[in-house]
Each structure stands twice: as structure tokens, then as C-alpha cells.
Protein backbone atom coordinates (compact mmCIF):
# COMPACT_ATOMS: atom_id res chain seq x y z
CA MET A 1 186.23 179.22 214.35
CA ILE A 2 184.39 182.57 214.04
CA ARG A 3 181.85 183.49 216.65
CA PHE A 4 179.25 185.74 215.91
CA SER A 5 178.16 188.05 218.91
CA GLY A 6 176.07 190.98 219.51
CA LEU A 7 172.64 191.36 217.45
CA TRP A 8 173.99 188.31 215.35
CA GLN A 9 172.76 186.55 218.25
CA ASN A 10 169.25 188.11 218.26
CA GLN A 11 166.92 186.08 215.81
CA ASN A 12 164.31 188.70 215.60
CA PHE A 13 166.65 191.39 214.69
CA MET A 14 168.23 189.06 211.97
CA ARG A 15 164.73 188.29 210.47
CA LEU A 16 164.13 192.00 210.12
CA TRP A 17 167.63 192.47 208.79
CA VAL A 18 167.16 189.96 206.14
CA GLY A 19 163.79 191.17 204.98
CA GLN A 20 165.07 194.93 204.86
CA THR A 21 168.08 193.70 202.78
CA VAL A 22 166.07 192.25 200.40
CA SER A 23 163.58 195.01 200.19
CA VAL A 24 166.57 197.63 199.76
CA PHE A 25 167.83 195.55 196.73
CA GLY A 26 164.35 195.41 195.12
CA SER A 27 163.99 199.32 195.82
CA MET A 28 167.32 199.92 194.25
CA VAL A 29 165.93 198.39 190.87
CA GLY A 30 162.39 199.79 191.16
CA GLY A 31 163.89 203.34 192.29
CA LEU A 32 165.88 203.37 189.02
CA ALA A 33 163.41 201.67 186.70
CA LEU A 34 160.54 204.17 187.54
CA PRO A 35 161.98 207.22 186.13
CA PHE A 36 163.30 205.40 183.16
CA VAL A 37 159.69 204.09 182.47
CA ALA A 38 158.85 207.69 182.15
CA ILE A 39 162.04 208.66 180.46
CA LEU A 40 162.45 205.80 177.85
CA SER A 41 159.06 204.14 177.67
CA LEU A 42 156.71 207.23 177.67
CA GLN A 43 159.25 209.91 176.62
CA ALA A 44 158.52 212.27 179.34
CA SER A 45 159.56 216.05 179.54
CA PRO A 46 161.98 217.16 182.43
CA PHE A 47 159.11 218.76 184.09
CA GLN A 48 156.78 215.45 184.00
CA VAL A 49 160.04 213.41 185.12
CA ALA A 50 160.33 215.90 188.07
CA PHE A 51 156.43 215.69 188.89
CA LEU A 52 156.72 211.99 188.92
CA GLY A 53 159.25 212.33 191.70
CA SER A 54 157.07 214.99 193.49
CA MET A 55 153.94 212.29 193.44
CA SER A 56 156.02 210.11 195.56
CA LEU A 57 156.55 212.65 198.05
CA ILE A 58 153.28 214.62 198.33
CA PRO A 59 151.61 211.94 200.30
CA GLY A 60 154.35 211.89 202.72
CA PHE A 61 154.00 215.61 203.44
CA LEU A 62 150.07 215.31 203.80
CA ILE A 63 149.89 212.43 206.01
CA SER A 64 153.15 212.01 207.93
CA LEU A 65 151.94 213.74 210.92
CA PHE A 66 148.63 211.78 211.02
CA ALA A 67 150.71 208.45 210.43
CA GLY A 68 152.79 209.26 213.52
CA VAL A 69 149.66 209.39 215.69
CA TRP A 70 148.35 206.10 214.36
CA VAL A 71 151.90 204.36 214.70
CA ASP A 72 151.82 205.36 218.24
CA ARG A 73 148.43 204.26 218.75
CA LEU A 74 148.47 200.92 217.13
CA ALA A 75 151.00 197.82 217.08
CA ARG A 76 153.79 198.64 214.65
CA LYS A 77 154.53 195.13 213.09
CA PRO A 78 151.01 194.84 211.32
CA VAL A 79 151.35 198.34 210.00
CA LEU A 80 154.99 197.43 208.40
CA ILE A 81 153.47 194.09 206.88
CA ALA A 82 150.32 195.88 205.45
CA SER A 83 152.58 198.61 203.92
CA ASP A 84 154.57 196.07 202.33
CA ILE A 85 151.82 194.08 200.85
CA GLY A 86 150.26 197.22 199.63
CA ARG A 87 153.26 198.29 197.76
CA PHE A 88 153.65 194.90 196.13
CA LEU A 89 150.00 195.24 194.69
CA VAL A 90 150.56 198.88 193.49
CA LEU A 91 153.79 198.10 191.79
CA CYS A 92 152.49 195.07 189.93
CA THR A 93 149.95 197.39 188.00
CA ILE A 94 152.89 198.99 185.89
CA PRO A 95 154.09 195.90 184.23
CA LEU A 96 150.39 194.73 183.77
CA ALA A 97 149.57 198.05 181.93
CA ALA A 98 152.49 197.93 179.71
CA LEU A 99 151.73 194.39 178.61
CA LEU A 100 148.16 195.55 177.94
CA GLY A 101 149.51 198.59 176.06
CA ILE A 102 147.70 201.05 178.39
CA LEU A 103 150.53 202.43 180.43
CA SER A 104 150.33 206.27 180.89
CA MET A 105 152.07 209.08 182.87
CA VAL A 106 148.71 209.44 184.76
CA GLN A 107 149.18 205.73 185.96
CA LEU A 108 152.60 206.50 187.02
CA TYR A 109 151.69 209.50 188.78
CA LEU A 110 149.05 207.56 190.66
CA VAL A 111 151.48 204.64 191.29
CA ALA A 112 154.03 206.81 192.76
CA PHE A 113 151.46 208.68 195.02
CA LEU A 114 150.26 205.27 196.71
CA TYR A 115 153.73 203.76 196.72
CA GLY A 116 154.67 207.15 198.63
CA ALA A 117 151.79 207.01 200.94
CA LEU A 118 152.48 203.35 201.98
CA GLY A 119 155.95 203.89 202.19
CA THR A 120 155.39 206.85 204.66
CA PHE A 121 153.54 204.51 207.01
CA PHE A 122 156.19 201.81 206.70
CA GLU A 123 159.27 204.25 207.35
CA ILE A 124 157.59 206.01 210.37
CA ALA A 125 156.63 202.63 211.97
CA TYR A 126 159.90 200.99 210.99
CA HIS A 127 162.23 203.57 212.69
CA ALA A 128 159.80 203.35 215.85
CA TYR A 129 160.03 199.39 215.69
CA LEU A 130 163.63 198.85 216.10
CA PRO A 131 163.81 200.08 219.50
CA SER A 132 161.28 197.19 220.42
CA LEU A 133 163.74 194.65 219.22
CA VAL A 134 167.04 195.85 220.74
CA SER A 135 168.10 197.67 223.74
CA LYS A 136 169.15 201.35 223.61
CA GLU A 137 172.81 200.47 223.90
CA GLU A 138 172.52 198.40 220.67
CA LEU A 139 170.64 201.01 218.55
CA GLY A 140 173.78 202.34 216.96
CA GLU A 141 174.91 198.73 216.26
CA GLY A 142 171.36 197.74 214.90
CA ASN A 143 171.26 200.94 212.60
CA SER A 144 174.89 200.27 211.33
CA LYS A 145 174.09 196.70 210.63
CA LEU A 146 170.92 197.63 208.61
CA SER A 147 172.88 200.44 206.86
CA ALA A 148 175.70 198.10 205.86
CA SER A 149 173.63 195.28 204.42
CA ALA A 150 171.50 198.07 202.66
CA SER A 151 174.53 199.39 201.14
CA VAL A 152 175.64 195.95 199.81
CA ALA A 153 172.09 195.43 198.58
CA GLU A 154 172.60 199.05 196.97
CA ALA A 155 175.63 197.83 195.34
CA GLY A 156 174.17 194.62 193.91
CA GLY A 157 170.57 196.35 193.30
CA PHE A 158 172.14 199.46 191.20
CA GLY A 159 174.67 197.03 189.49
CA MET A 160 171.73 195.06 188.11
CA ALA A 161 169.17 197.66 187.75
CA GLY A 162 170.51 199.37 184.77
CA TRP A 163 170.70 196.08 182.87
CA LEU A 164 167.37 194.68 184.09
CA VAL A 165 166.04 198.12 182.77
CA GLN A 166 167.62 197.18 179.30
CA TRP A 167 167.06 193.55 179.21
CA LEU A 168 163.38 193.31 180.50
CA THR A 169 162.32 196.96 179.68
CA PRO A 170 161.83 199.37 182.51
CA PRO A 171 158.24 198.31 183.36
CA LEU A 172 159.15 194.64 183.65
CA ALA A 173 162.08 195.55 185.79
CA ILE A 174 159.51 197.14 188.37
CA LEU A 175 158.43 193.37 189.17
CA VAL A 176 161.71 192.87 191.13
CA ASP A 177 160.90 195.63 193.50
CA ALA A 178 157.34 194.27 193.90
CA VAL A 179 158.49 190.70 194.85
CA SER A 180 161.10 192.20 197.29
CA PHE A 181 158.10 193.78 199.42
CA LEU A 182 156.68 190.25 199.62
CA VAL A 183 159.88 188.69 201.17
CA SER A 184 160.21 191.70 203.48
CA ALA A 185 156.29 190.91 204.60
CA LEU A 186 157.21 187.29 205.23
CA SER A 187 160.43 188.21 207.17
CA LEU A 188 158.32 190.74 209.40
CA ALA A 189 155.59 188.12 209.89
CA ALA A 190 158.15 185.70 211.62
CA ILE A 191 159.40 187.91 214.13
CA LYS A 192 158.27 186.80 217.42
CA THR A 193 159.15 189.68 219.87
CA LEU A 194 156.11 191.37 221.58
CA GLU A 195 155.96 194.90 221.25
CA PRO A 196 155.74 197.14 224.55
CA GLU A 197 152.29 197.99 225.49
CA ARG A 198 150.87 200.99 223.73
CA ASN A 199 149.73 203.95 225.98
CA ASN A 200 146.21 204.28 224.69
CA SER A 201 145.02 206.76 227.36
CA GLN A 202 144.71 209.28 224.57
CA ALA A 203 143.16 207.07 221.85
CA ASN A 204 139.91 209.10 222.24
CA SER A 205 141.65 212.49 222.17
CA SER A 206 142.31 214.83 219.49
CA VAL A 207 144.50 213.86 216.76
CA TRP A 208 145.64 217.55 216.49
CA LEU A 209 146.49 217.38 220.09
CA GLU A 210 148.61 214.24 219.73
CA ILE A 211 150.29 215.96 216.42
CA LYS A 212 151.02 218.88 218.53
CA GLU A 213 152.55 216.72 221.33
CA GLY A 214 154.93 215.12 218.60
CA LEU A 215 155.87 218.72 217.42
CA VAL A 216 156.47 220.13 220.79
CA GLU A 217 158.81 216.90 221.85
CA LEU A 218 160.87 217.64 218.52
CA TRP A 219 161.21 221.29 219.30
CA THR A 220 161.89 221.00 222.98
CA GLU A 221 164.89 218.52 222.82
CA PRO A 222 167.78 220.81 221.55
CA ILE A 223 170.04 218.14 219.93
CA VAL A 224 167.04 216.48 218.01
CA ARG A 225 165.89 219.88 216.88
CA SER A 226 169.38 220.78 215.59
CA LEU A 227 169.63 217.63 213.67
CA VAL A 228 166.18 217.94 212.05
CA GLY A 229 166.94 221.57 211.22
CA SER A 230 170.06 220.56 209.40
CA SER A 231 168.72 217.53 207.68
CA THR A 232 165.72 219.66 206.34
CA VAL A 233 167.92 221.92 204.61
CA LEU A 234 170.12 219.24 203.34
CA ALA A 235 166.96 217.46 201.70
CA LEU A 236 165.90 220.49 200.10
CA PHE A 237 168.84 221.13 198.12
CA SER A 238 169.74 217.32 197.52
CA ARG A 239 166.13 216.87 196.05
CA LEU A 240 166.46 219.75 193.78
CA TYR A 241 169.67 218.31 192.61
CA GLY A 242 168.39 214.71 192.25
CA SER A 243 165.34 215.72 190.35
CA MET A 244 167.46 216.40 187.32
CA PHE A 245 170.31 213.93 187.80
CA LEU A 246 168.97 211.11 185.58
CA ILE A 247 167.96 213.77 183.01
CA PHE A 248 171.60 215.01 182.94
CA THR A 249 173.33 211.55 182.66
CA THR A 250 170.83 210.18 180.35
CA ARG A 251 170.24 213.12 177.94
CA THR A 252 173.16 215.52 178.44
CA LEU A 253 175.87 213.17 178.94
CA ASP A 254 174.15 210.47 176.80
CA LEU A 255 175.01 207.51 178.98
CA SER A 256 173.04 204.12 178.84
CA PRO A 257 170.96 202.68 181.72
CA GLY A 258 173.41 199.80 182.06
CA ILE A 259 176.67 201.94 182.51
CA GLN A 260 174.61 204.31 184.81
CA GLY A 261 173.63 201.38 186.91
CA MET A 262 177.10 199.94 187.24
CA ILE A 263 178.44 203.61 188.24
CA PHE A 264 175.63 203.78 190.96
CA ALA A 265 176.57 200.40 192.32
CA ILE A 266 179.89 201.90 193.36
CA GLY A 267 177.86 204.06 195.61
CA GLY A 268 176.49 200.98 197.42
CA LEU A 269 180.11 199.73 198.15
CA THR A 270 181.13 203.06 199.41
CA SER A 271 178.02 203.20 201.60
CA LEU A 272 179.19 200.07 203.25
CA LEU A 273 182.46 201.78 204.12
CA GLY A 274 180.22 204.64 205.64
CA ALA A 275 178.31 202.25 207.55
CA LEU A 276 181.48 200.48 209.15
CA VAL A 277 183.19 203.70 210.12
CA ALA A 278 180.18 205.48 211.66
CA GLY A 279 180.64 204.19 215.13
CA PRO A 280 184.50 204.69 215.39
CA LEU A 281 184.45 208.17 213.91
CA THR A 282 181.60 209.33 215.99
CA ARG A 283 183.40 208.07 219.30
CA ARG A 284 186.58 209.73 218.17
CA PHE A 285 185.56 213.13 216.89
CA GLY A 286 182.06 213.41 218.53
CA LEU A 287 178.68 213.76 217.02
CA GLY A 288 178.72 217.32 215.86
CA PRO A 289 182.04 217.39 213.96
CA THR A 290 181.26 213.95 212.26
CA LEU A 291 177.87 215.29 210.87
CA ILE A 292 179.44 218.65 209.68
CA PHE A 293 182.17 216.49 207.87
CA SER A 294 179.63 213.98 206.35
CA MET A 295 177.70 217.21 204.96
CA ILE A 296 180.92 218.72 203.26
CA LEU A 297 181.72 215.51 201.77
CA ILE A 298 178.18 215.31 200.40
CA SER A 299 178.51 218.91 198.79
CA LEU A 300 181.98 218.15 197.25
CA GLY A 301 180.89 214.84 195.79
CA MET A 302 177.55 216.46 194.36
CA ILE A 303 179.36 219.26 192.48
CA LEU A 304 181.80 217.14 190.52
CA PRO A 305 179.25 215.54 187.78
CA THR A 306 178.50 219.22 186.74
CA PHE A 307 181.94 219.53 184.90
CA ALA A 308 181.24 216.58 182.62
CA LEU A 309 180.37 217.86 179.13
CA LYS A 310 179.65 214.60 177.40
CA ALA A 311 179.86 210.74 177.37
CA SER A 312 183.64 210.34 178.05
CA ALA A 313 186.10 208.69 180.27
CA LEU A 314 186.33 212.03 182.21
CA ALA A 315 182.56 212.05 182.61
CA ILE A 316 182.54 208.61 183.97
CA MET A 317 185.57 209.25 186.34
CA LEU A 318 183.60 212.44 187.69
CA LEU A 319 180.50 210.26 188.25
CA ILE A 320 182.50 207.50 190.06
CA LEU A 321 184.22 210.06 192.24
CA ASN A 322 180.63 211.56 193.13
CA GLN A 323 179.79 207.95 194.18
CA LEU A 324 183.13 207.62 196.34
CA LEU A 325 182.20 211.04 198.22
CA THR A 326 178.49 211.34 198.66
CA ASP A 327 177.25 207.92 199.42
CA PRO A 328 179.52 207.07 202.44
CA ALA A 329 178.93 210.45 203.61
CA TRP A 330 175.22 210.14 203.37
CA THR A 331 175.31 206.80 205.29
CA LEU A 332 177.54 208.15 207.96
CA HIS A 333 175.04 211.33 208.35
CA ASN A 334 171.72 209.10 208.45
CA ILE A 335 172.98 206.56 210.87
CA ASN A 336 174.01 209.13 213.48
CA GLU A 337 171.07 211.21 213.08
CA LEU A 338 168.53 208.31 213.32
CA THR A 339 170.32 206.69 216.39
CA MET A 340 170.53 209.90 218.30
CA ARG A 341 166.78 210.43 217.61
CA GLN A 342 165.83 206.86 218.68
CA SER A 343 168.03 207.34 221.70
CA LEU A 344 166.63 210.59 222.92
CA VAL A 345 163.04 210.13 222.31
CA ASP A 346 160.64 208.35 224.54
CA ASP A 347 158.97 205.02 222.82
CA GLN A 348 155.40 206.17 223.61
CA VAL A 349 155.89 209.58 221.46
CA LEU A 350 158.71 208.22 219.02
CA GLY A 351 155.98 207.52 216.17
CA ARG A 352 154.69 211.08 216.33
CA VAL A 353 158.27 212.57 216.44
CA ASN A 354 159.40 210.45 213.47
CA GLY A 355 156.13 211.67 211.68
CA SER A 356 157.00 215.31 212.32
CA VAL A 357 160.59 214.59 211.23
CA ARG A 358 159.16 213.19 207.94
CA PHE A 359 156.83 215.94 207.35
CA LEU A 360 159.43 218.40 207.47
CA GLU A 361 161.86 216.19 205.23
CA PHE A 362 158.92 215.63 202.59
CA GLY A 363 158.19 219.12 202.55
CA ALA A 364 161.62 220.17 201.77
CA ASN A 365 161.91 217.21 199.32
CA LEU A 366 158.78 218.20 197.64
CA LEU A 367 159.83 221.85 197.42
CA GLY A 368 163.15 220.84 196.20
CA MET A 369 161.68 218.47 193.35
CA VAL A 370 159.46 221.12 192.10
CA LEU A 371 161.96 223.67 191.92
CA GLY A 372 164.24 221.33 190.15
CA GLY A 373 161.49 220.61 187.70
CA LEU A 374 160.98 224.30 186.99
CA LEU A 375 164.75 225.06 187.01
CA GLY A 376 165.41 222.13 184.56
CA GLU A 377 162.93 223.47 182.05
CA TRP A 378 164.09 227.12 182.17
CA GLN A 379 167.68 226.70 182.92
CA GLY A 380 168.68 223.01 181.97
CA ALA A 381 169.67 220.17 183.90
CA ARG A 382 173.54 221.26 184.37
CA THR A 383 172.59 224.42 185.88
CA THR A 384 170.04 222.75 188.29
CA LEU A 385 172.49 220.49 189.47
CA MET A 386 174.98 223.30 190.12
CA ILE A 387 172.42 225.14 192.11
CA GLY A 388 171.59 222.07 194.25
């Protein structure tokens, strides 16, 4: 008889785990469907596609620092639930507008902006909420379990996403993502663990002062500062790369959404491998070497698709190799970076530190997306990917 130990025994963690697994599955479908709404349904230009991606990043850049302050002031679970319900409502407007025949790029930009704003609050609160459910010694296990199940959901979500886009049309496929946020909200509502008391002694102090405290905390902790610095640079060039990736695979290589979805699903399965080996590799080789190794793998995997010339067996093989290298490496990197941050930063300021991290990453992502759109217009998708 198999006995489940560790966090499998923690019912509240399992509720979080189930809700986030379903939500990740939906987001894989929605994340692929939204740019396809622009590319296939509205015949968007390369710059419009890149600008659509930017609209989901702009709110994160604008509000991350402020969101971190409020996450430290308020109970985090209600913030998570409200963010999920808000994203459900926002996404439902896309299929509704498509059915009414009034869907436009302006609406997609607005939806992406609101979706990004709500997602910013969720992510900052989510990364600060896990330490309320598990001990510091269990953070690595918790992040690995969440990443592992997210990888399986990614494989299933991406595998189905391309076909759902083809069968339902891109706007209707968005509904899968919308419903997943309802499931996440219900799972969070079922969690019974009480959060630690928030220190509200500064509730009436300057928001700017509290933001400064988060930035100072990030800067004065050398390990966190180093991790965030490398992640910010990585975010800039990976977003520049990603801004033109679907344009390249859809228009340059002429691959169908269904085929692309099946290729991307492989990345979900290999991400699971990254989640499973993160702990053993870090214990064996240390945090620094493991992170450096993961970034080398990411770079090697990203360059491979640029050698594909047209829809062919070689192109598919290169895209599969991309998924085999980059996805487990990203998972390995993210688990270690997040666990260290949660372990080193005090709970009372963790929301503001997370907000500071997201501010820097969103800024890098936004700059990378804009540069990617401009390079895509001037030099083409392939050259943009090579620069990324």
C-alpha cells in the first residue's frame, strides 16, 4: 500500500495545489488562444501582436510596487479569490463580443490590460501566501509539487489548446481559461488555515515609504539581489524572443495551431522533469552552479528553432528539441529562485519584495516585448528570435 507523506498530508496545501493545477491548465489554453485571436481572427500585424503582449505587462510594471504594499497590509487569501473572479469576468467578454460580431483589437488590448493587472495582484499575493500554509523547511517541497503539477497541466493544456483553437475558434477557446479561474477561486475559499497577523503599524504611513522598505530589503540581501538581477536580464531577452515566436511558427514555418499545441505539450512533460530534479540537483551541486546550468540550457534551446526554414520534419524536430531543453531548465531556475526568496525574506515584508521583483521583471518584459515588436517589423521574426 502506497503511503503519501509530507505535504500530501496537508489538506489546505492540497486545496491550493488542486486549484492552481486547474488554473494553470486553463491558462495554457488561454495563453495560446489569445494571440491566435489576434493572428487568425483579426489578422493582426506583428507589431499589433507584440503590443497585445505588452498590454498584459504594462499594468504589472505600473502597479507591482503598490500591489506589494497592499498584499503586506491585507489578508492574502481574499486578494487571491478576488483576482480569480475578476479574471473570469474579463475573459468572458471575448467570446461574447465574438458571438455578437463586435470583437476588435481595442477590446483585446483592454482585456489584456485588466487581465495583467488582476494577475499581478494574484501572483504577488500567491508567492507570499504559501509560507502561511507550510513551514520554511517545506517551501522547497511545496514549490516543487506546484511546479510539477503545473508542468503536467501545461502538457495537457498546450496539447489541447491548439486543437481547441481550431475546433472552437480562438475566441471560444478562451472560455476554458475563464472557467479555470472559478475553480481556483472555489479551491482557495475552501482553505481553512488562518494567516499570520499582519503588522499594520504602518497602515497609515506613506505608501512610498513602504515601497522603499521593500526595495531596500531586496537590495540589502545579497543572494536575493543576485538572483533578481540575473532573472531580470533573462526576462528581457526571453520576452523579446517570445514576442515573435508564434509569428515565426505560424507565418514563417506555416505550422497549424494544432501541431504547435502538440509540440508545446512536450515542454509541459519535460518541465515535470525539471520540477522532479530541482531538489536533488541543487543539493548535489549547489544553488549557483544549478542556476547557471539552467540558464545555459535555456539559451541553447532557444537558438535551435531559428535554424528551421519551412514546415518540415527538421523544423518540427528543432521545435521539439527547444521544448526538451528550455522548459525543464526554466522550471529548475524558477523553483530555486522562488524558494530562496521565500526562505530569506521576512513574511511581513515578503509582499513588498515580491512586488519589487515583479516590477523589475515586468519592466524587463515590457521593454523586451516592445523591442521584439519593432525588430519583428524591421528585421523579421527569425532575426528577432536570434537576437533574443
